[in-house]
Protein backbone atom coordinates (compact mmCIF):
# COMPACT_ATOMS: atom_id res chain seq x y z
CA PHE A 1 -7.01 19.10 -17.79
CA ARG A 2 -9.58 21.66 -16.84
CA ALA A 3 -11.90 19.18 -14.93
CA SER A 4 -9.10 18.54 -12.54
CA ALA A 5 -7.66 22.13 -12.33
CA LEU A 6 -11.25 23.03 -11.35
CA LEU A 7 -12.54 20.36 -9.39
CA LEU A 8 -9.30 20.68 -7.14
CA ASN A 9 -9.91 23.68 -6.00
CA THR A 10 -13.20 23.10 -4.85
CA SER A 11 -14.23 21.26 -1.05
CA GLU A 12 -14.80 18.40 -2.99
CA PRO A 13 -11.63 17.69 -4.49
CA VAL A 14 -11.72 13.69 -5.04
CA TRP A 15 -12.86 14.10 -8.13
CA GLY A 16 -10.04 16.68 -9.27
CA LEU A 17 -7.79 13.60 -8.19
CA ILE A 18 -9.36 11.20 -10.06
CA TYR A 19 -9.64 13.31 -13.14
CA GLY A 20 -6.15 14.40 -12.75
CA GLU A 21 -4.47 11.11 -12.54
CA ALA A 22 -6.85 10.11 -16.00
CA PHE A 23 -5.41 13.31 -17.42
CA LEU A 24 -1.53 12.32 -16.68
CA ASN A 25 -2.36 8.91 -18.32
CA LEU A 26 -3.92 10.33 -21.56
CA GLU A 27 -1.57 13.35 -22.06
CA LYS A 28 2.05 13.47 -21.65
CA GLY A 29 2.75 17.50 -22.47
CA ASN A 30 3.58 20.19 -20.56
CA ARG A 31 0.38 20.84 -18.86
CA ASN A 32 1.31 17.66 -17.07
CA GLU A 33 3.64 19.13 -14.29
CA SER A 34 0.49 21.53 -13.35
CA ILE A 35 -1.80 18.87 -12.77
CA GLN A 36 1.16 16.96 -10.64
CA ASN A 37 1.86 19.69 -8.34
CA GLY A 38 -2.00 21.00 -8.37
CA ILE A 39 -2.65 16.55 -6.86
CA ARG A 40 0.39 17.81 -4.81
CA LYS A 41 -0.32 21.11 -3.35
CA LYS A 42 -4.29 20.26 -3.12
CA LEU A 43 -3.26 16.72 -0.62
CA ASP A 44 -1.22 18.84 1.15
CA SER A 45 -3.79 21.03 2.04
CA CYS A 46 -6.40 17.98 2.65
CA PHE A 47 -4.83 16.47 5.60
CA GLU A 48 -4.63 19.05 9.06
CA LEU A 49 -3.04 18.32 12.18
CA GLU A 50 -5.04 18.60 15.27
CA GLY A 51 -3.07 18.71 18.45
CA ASP A 52 -0.88 15.58 19.03
CA THR A 53 -3.63 12.91 18.49
CA ALA A 54 -6.12 13.90 15.58
CA LEU A 55 -5.15 14.05 12.15
CA LYS A 56 -8.37 15.76 10.11
CA ILE A 57 -8.86 14.53 6.11
CA HIS A 58 -10.65 17.05 4.15
CA LEU A 59 -11.56 15.00 1.00
CA SER A 60 -15.05 15.38 1.14
CA ARG A 61 -17.32 18.28 2.48
CA ASN A 62 -20.26 16.08 1.57
CA VAL A 63 -22.74 14.54 4.39
CA ILE A 64 -24.56 10.94 4.51
CA THR A 65 -27.83 11.36 4.63
CA LEU A 66 -31.05 8.79 5.26
CA ASN A 67 -33.40 8.47 2.71
CA GLY A 68 -36.56 6.99 3.90
CA LEU A 69 -35.22 3.64 5.73
CA GLU A 70 -31.88 3.80 3.49
CA LEU A 71 -28.73 5.35 4.22
CA VAL A 72 -27.26 7.08 1.71
CA ILE A 73 -22.99 7.47 1.55
CA PRO A 74 -21.89 9.91 -1.09
CA PHE A 75 -18.81 7.98 -3.28
CA GLU A 76 -16.51 10.98 -2.22
CA ILE A 77 -17.19 9.97 1.70
CA GLU A 78 -16.28 6.09 0.93
CA TYR A 79 -13.25 7.45 -0.70
CA GLU A 80 -12.09 9.74 1.92
CA LEU A 81 -12.90 6.58 4.53
CA ALA A 82 -10.74 4.09 2.36
CA VAL A 83 -8.26 6.80 2.38
CA SER A 84 -8.29 6.83 6.01
CA LYS A 85 -7.74 3.35 6.69
CA SER A 86 -4.34 3.58 4.77
CA LYS A 87 -1.27 3.23 5.93
CA ALA A 88 -0.26 6.78 4.85
CA VAL A 89 -2.75 8.49 7.26
CA LEU A 90 -1.24 6.48 10.14
CA ASN A 91 2.15 7.27 9.47
CA MET A 92 1.28 11.00 8.83
CA LYS A 93 -0.31 11.01 12.25
CA SER A 94 2.22 8.90 14.15
CA GLU A 95 5.01 11.32 12.60
CA LYS A 96 2.94 14.36 13.67
CA ARG A 97 3.14 15.88 9.80
CA SER A 98 0.25 16.79 7.63
CA ASN A 99 2.67 16.85 4.12
CA VAL A 100 2.03 13.90 1.26
CA THR A 101 5.19 12.27 0.80
CA ILE A 102 5.22 9.87 -2.85
CA ALA A 103 4.86 7.08 -0.51
CA ASP A 104 1.84 8.55 1.45
CA LEU A 105 0.56 9.04 -2.31
CA ILE A 106 1.23 5.52 -3.18
CA ASP A 107 -0.27 4.33 -0.46
CA ILE A 108 -3.36 6.54 -0.30
CA ARG A 109 -4.30 5.81 -3.88
CA MET A 110 -3.73 2.28 -3.38
CA ALA A 111 -6.03 1.97 -0.95
CA ALA A 112 -8.96 3.64 -2.54
CA ALA A 113 -8.52 1.16 -5.07
CA LYS A 114 -8.28 -1.79 -3.26
CA GLN A 115 -11.40 -0.71 -1.40
CA TYR A 116 -12.98 -0.24 -5.30
CA LYS A 117 -12.24 -3.68 -5.99
CA GLU A 118 -13.61 -5.25 -2.36
CA SER A 119 -17.10 -3.05 -2.38
CA TRP A 120 -17.29 0.18 -5.21
CA GLU A 121 -16.95 -1.82 -8.36
CA LYS A 122 -20.26 -3.00 -9.11
CA LYS A 123 -22.42 0.18 -8.04
CA ARG A 124 -19.79 2.77 -9.09
CA PRO A 125 -18.04 1.28 -11.75
CA ASN A 126 -14.80 3.68 -13.30
CA TYR A 127 -12.02 2.60 -15.51
CA LEU A 128 -9.46 4.31 -13.77
CA PHE A 129 -9.40 1.94 -10.79
CA GLU A 130 -9.41 -0.95 -12.68
CA TYR A 131 -6.35 0.27 -14.17
CA GLN A 132 -5.04 1.00 -10.82
CA ASN A 133 -5.87 -2.42 -9.71
CA LEU A 134 -4.54 -3.78 -12.83
CA LEU A 135 -1.06 -2.39 -12.17
CA ILE A 136 -1.29 -3.47 -8.42
CA ASP A 137 -1.97 -7.15 -9.60
CA GLY A 138 1.19 -6.55 -11.80
CA GLY A 139 3.14 -5.55 -9.23
CA TYR A 140 3.44 -2.03 -11.12
CA PHE A 141 1.67 -0.02 -8.83
CA GLU A 142 4.61 1.90 -7.24
CA ALA A 143 6.42 2.30 -10.04
CA TYR A 144 3.74 3.58 -12.25
CA THR A 145 2.76 6.55 -9.67
CA MET A 146 6.69 7.12 -9.58
CA ASP A 147 6.74 7.54 -13.13
CA LEU A 148 3.72 9.63 -13.13
CA PHE A 149 4.55 12.20 -10.58
CA LYS A 150 7.96 12.43 -11.83
CA ASP A 151 7.99 16.51 -11.62
CA ALA A 152 6.04 16.97 -8.60
CA TYR A 153 8.06 14.81 -6.77
CA ALA A 154 11.43 14.91 -8.70
CA GLU A 155 13.69 14.50 -5.78
CA ASP A 156 12.44 11.19 -5.13
CA TYR A 157 11.64 10.02 -8.43
CA LYS A 158 15.61 10.52 -9.32
CA ALA A 159 16.27 8.62 -5.74
CA TYR A 160 14.19 5.79 -6.74
CA MET A 161 15.70 5.81 -10.78
CA GLU A 162 19.28 5.37 -8.66
CA LYS A 163 18.50 1.96 -7.98
CA PRO A 164 18.94 -0.48 -10.84
CA GLU A 165 16.42 -2.87 -9.61
CA ASN A 166 13.58 -0.11 -9.91
CA GLN A 167 15.09 0.94 -13.21
CA ASP A 168 14.27 -2.39 -14.41
CA VAL A 169 10.74 -2.19 -12.63
CA MET A 170 10.25 1.04 -14.47
CA ASN A 171 11.55 -0.32 -17.75
CA ALA A 172 8.93 -3.57 -17.56
CA LEU A 173 6.16 -1.19 -16.48
CA HIS A 174 7.08 0.51 -19.78
CA VAL A 175 6.64 -2.12 -21.96
CA TRP A 176 3.68 -3.28 -19.74
CA MET A 177 1.91 0.14 -20.54
CA LYS A 178 2.05 -0.28 -24.27
CA GLN A 179 0.38 -3.86 -24.25
CA HIS A 180 -1.72 -2.26 -21.73
CA PRO A 181 -2.64 1.51 -22.59
CA PHE A 182 -4.77 3.16 -20.64
CA GLU A 183 -7.83 3.93 -22.93
CA PRO A 184 -11.38 5.21 -21.58
CA ASN A 185 -14.29 4.71 -23.58
CA GLU A 186 -18.23 3.86 -23.51
CA SER A 187 -17.21 0.65 -22.19
CA LYS A 188 -14.49 1.92 -19.77
CA LEU A 189 -16.22 5.06 -18.55
CA ILE A 190 -14.65 7.50 -15.80
CA ASN A 191 -17.92 9.17 -14.30
CA ARG A 192 -19.77 10.75 -11.72
CA ASN A 193 -23.06 8.80 -12.80
CA TYR A 194 -23.71 5.71 -10.61
CA LYS A 195 -26.30 3.03 -10.75
CA LYS A 196 -28.67 2.77 -7.77
């Protein structure tokens, strides 16, 4: 909770998003709504329309460096690049808006999770992304996101749950999550230290 709350209020909010989602998975209490709203508010402030054609993304203030002949790209920039390729960013740009809808939140996090599977997994292992990919593979990622952010996007959650087919998926998700609990441990880490 503290890591997420603190990091969401820095110029490097990527880790606030990651730790916040981990917290939402681990604790089902009254602090959840605070983290959900913190994530929503931070994401809304991380996208900025510039004129009619540009949408700036501010998920990282890190810089790419050259160490000898090796180009060093910090994880936070890789995350931001993955997000920039998401459908959500294209939609926000074409619709000339900077607020993040629940559909955008799904697309943004799915883009990062898929990028993890494609290129970060070995160099930057992270249990949260592994768990997200299990949910994607199972067809539960949309329902998972709706459930995780049901307070911050209350109207969207209500509309989603009015459809019987979504209720069925949500019930199946809850069964799946009991069979596949989110359990970080010494071999399933969510940390900022990476292998070279």
